[in-house]
Structure formats: C-alpha cells, structure tokens
C-alpha cells in the first residue's frame, strides 16, 4: 500500500498545547496530515480510530505515559512507528523507549530537520513492512 504524502497521517501526543500547535504547523508544511492529542488516553483513542502510520509522543504525559502509549498502541497496529520526543530523561529512557518499539528518540527542543528526517525514516519503514507483507502473500499463493 503506497500512500501519497498528503494522505500520510502523523499523530502527535503532547500535553503542551503550544508544542502541539508547532508540530501541527510543521507537519502541515511538510505535507502530512496531523492529528493531535493532549494526553495519552486520547492519543490511544485516536490511534485506534484513525490508524496513523506514525506517532510522535512525549514520554511524560499526565495519566498514561508515552511508554504505555507505545506498548498499548502496538496492539492496534504493530506496524505503527513511534517517535519519542522528550525534554527530560536520560539514557535509561532512550533504551526503554526503543525496547518498547520506538523507532527514534529525539530530545527537546526539536530541530525541524531532525524531526523531518525521523518522520521520513518512519514512513520508509512502514512502506517496507507493507511491501514485505505483499511479498509474503504472493509467496503463499505460489505454495498453495
């Protein structure tokens, strides 16, 4: 499944409304559809309903943490790619986020070029996973 850039959805979960607005503007300028959530619970609801390919999540949210968003979010769609952005935390948080399934970890304040690269890398992985599934389906049809 190939998506044109304008149809690619990125969900941003952060409890700072100013940061959410900055990311929304940045994503729109890059040509992506931005979905925003101000907490982890609402982010999970959007993740389940809208099925975005990429999720940008802050680690420390009120209520459910970014770690939990990744853990539970993978249950909806294991191919969803998570980019963690955090203003606090150390190497232990980086390792934990990557073990939970994040594709990248970026420290705040976020450089827009770095974020753009991370998003593009995440969408490339989604594309490769989709191509792999199609290839596996073709192989299964030959085996039958």
Foldseek 3Di string as FASTA:
>chain_A
DDDDQLAAEEEEEALDVVVLVVVCVLSVVVNHHYHYHNFLVVSLVCCLVVVHQEYEYEQDHPDDGPLVSLQVSCVSPVRREYEYEYQDDDPVVQVSSVVSPHPYYHYPPDDSVVVVVSVVVSVVSSVVVVVVVVVVVVVVVVVD
